[in-house]
Amino acid sequence: EEKRWFCNEPYSRLHNFYRKIVNFLTDEFLVFVSVVCFLDVFVTFFTGEIDPLTGELMPKPFIARWIAPGLLMQLLVNPRLGALAGIVSDLLEQMIQAGPIRV
């Protein structure tokens, strides 16, 4: 049985070369996208958000930038911090009741 035309010598070598290039570019593109997505977290955290209407860089408030991410991350990843979640909730409730002058 004779092979199909694309299985013969010049075409099979070209296809092999093409597949190697496509595989290489795909792998490198995935690495690039992964690095950009990873760094985007830190850039957004340290700089702020870009306003979709004006394009300006709007810095986050102090608590939203520094306090909330660390505390929320600890509460999410550590299930044993349930007691701390209750304490934080009570503390926030007392701060709201006291008002901004006494905090």
Protein backbone atom coordinates (compact mmCIF):
# COMPACT_ATOMS: atom_id res chain seq x y z
CA GLU A 1 0.00 0.00 0.00
CA GLU A 2 1.38 3.35 -1.00
CA LYS A 3 1.66 6.19 1.54
CA ARG A 4 -0.36 9.31 1.09
CA TRP A 5 1.36 12.31 -0.47
CA PHE A 6 1.83 14.19 2.82
CA CYS A 7 3.62 11.22 4.38
CA ASN A 8 6.36 11.24 1.77
CA GLU A 9 9.77 12.78 2.29
CA PRO A 10 9.71 16.51 1.57
CA TYR A 11 6.30 17.05 3.14
CA SER A 12 6.92 15.00 6.26
CA ARG A 13 10.15 16.89 6.98
CA LEU A 14 8.42 20.24 6.45
CA HIS A 15 5.57 19.20 8.70
CA ASN A 16 8.00 18.09 11.41
CA PHE A 17 9.84 21.41 11.21
CA TYR A 18 6.54 23.35 11.29
CA ARG A 19 5.30 21.40 14.32
CA LYS A 20 8.54 22.02 16.22
CA ILE A 21 8.25 25.77 15.59
CA VAL A 22 4.57 25.87 16.57
CA ASN A 23 5.21 23.83 19.73
CA PHE A 24 8.12 26.07 20.71
CA LEU A 25 6.14 29.28 20.15
CA THR A 26 3.13 27.91 22.03
CA ASP A 27 5.25 26.88 25.02
CA GLU A 28 7.08 30.21 25.13
CA PHE A 29 3.84 32.16 24.76
CA LEU A 30 2.33 30.27 27.70
CA VAL A 31 5.38 31.10 29.82
CA PHE A 32 5.10 34.76 28.82
CA VAL A 33 1.38 34.89 29.65
CA SER A 34 2.02 33.20 33.01
CA VAL A 35 4.71 35.74 33.93
CA VAL A 36 2.51 38.68 32.93
CA CYS A 37 -0.45 37.34 34.94
CA PHE A 38 1.81 36.72 37.95
CA LEU A 39 3.36 40.20 37.83
CA ASP A 40 -0.01 41.86 37.28
CA VAL A 41 -0.99 40.99 40.85
CA PHE A 42 1.99 42.87 42.28
CA VAL A 43 1.72 45.82 39.89
CA THR A 44 -1.97 46.25 40.73
CA PHE A 45 -1.26 45.88 44.45
CA PHE A 46 1.55 48.44 44.58
CA THR A 47 0.27 50.98 42.07
CA GLY A 48 -3.52 50.91 42.06
CA GLU A 49 -6.21 50.51 39.44
CA ILE A 50 -6.48 52.11 36.00
CA ASP A 51 -9.68 54.09 35.60
CA PRO A 52 -11.52 52.66 32.58
CA LEU A 53 -13.05 56.02 31.64
CA THR A 54 -10.09 58.39 31.94
CA GLY A 55 -7.14 55.99 31.81
CA GLU A 56 -5.63 57.56 34.95
CA LEU A 57 -3.90 55.48 37.58
CA MET A 58 -6.04 55.71 40.70
CA PRO A 59 -4.19 54.72 43.89
CA LYS A 60 -6.00 52.51 46.34
CA PRO A 61 -6.80 53.77 49.84
CA PHE A 62 -4.41 52.75 52.63
CA ILE A 63 -6.56 49.99 54.13
CA ALA A 64 -7.55 48.54 50.77
CA ARG A 65 -3.90 48.48 49.68
CA TRP A 66 -1.99 47.37 52.77
CA ILE A 67 -4.24 45.98 55.50
CA ALA A 68 -7.09 44.12 53.78
CA PRO A 69 -5.09 41.93 51.33
CA GLY A 70 -2.83 40.43 53.98
CA LEU A 71 -5.56 39.92 56.51
CA LEU A 72 -8.07 38.57 54.01
CA MET A 73 -5.51 36.24 52.49
CA GLN A 74 -4.66 34.81 55.89
CA LEU A 75 -8.33 34.31 56.68
CA LEU A 76 -8.89 32.56 53.34
CA VAL A 77 -5.92 30.21 53.35
CA ASN A 78 -5.86 29.28 57.03
CA PRO A 79 -9.12 27.68 58.15
CA ARG A 80 -7.98 27.61 61.79
CA LEU A 81 -8.20 31.38 61.93
CA GLY A 82 -11.97 31.22 62.41
CA ALA A 83 -11.58 32.71 65.87
CA LEU A 84 -9.56 35.57 64.40
CA ALA A 85 -12.32 36.21 61.88
CA GLY A 86 -14.75 36.66 64.76
CA ILE A 87 -12.35 38.98 66.56
CA VAL A 88 -11.82 41.07 63.44
CA SER A 89 -15.56 41.25 62.87
CA ASP A 90 -16.15 42.40 66.46
CA LEU A 91 -13.35 44.96 66.17
CA LEU A 92 -14.76 46.39 62.94
CA GLU A 93 -18.21 46.58 64.51
CA GLN A 94 -16.82 48.50 67.51
CA MET A 95 -14.92 50.85 65.20
CA ILE A 96 -18.06 51.59 63.24
CA GLN A 97 -20.03 52.25 66.42
CA ALA A 98 -17.31 54.49 67.83
CA GLY A 99 -17.20 56.59 64.69
CA PRO A 100 -14.28 58.02 62.74
CA ILE A 101 -13.31 60.60 65.39
CA ARG A 102 -12.38 58.06 68.07
CA VAL A 103 -10.72 55.49 65.85
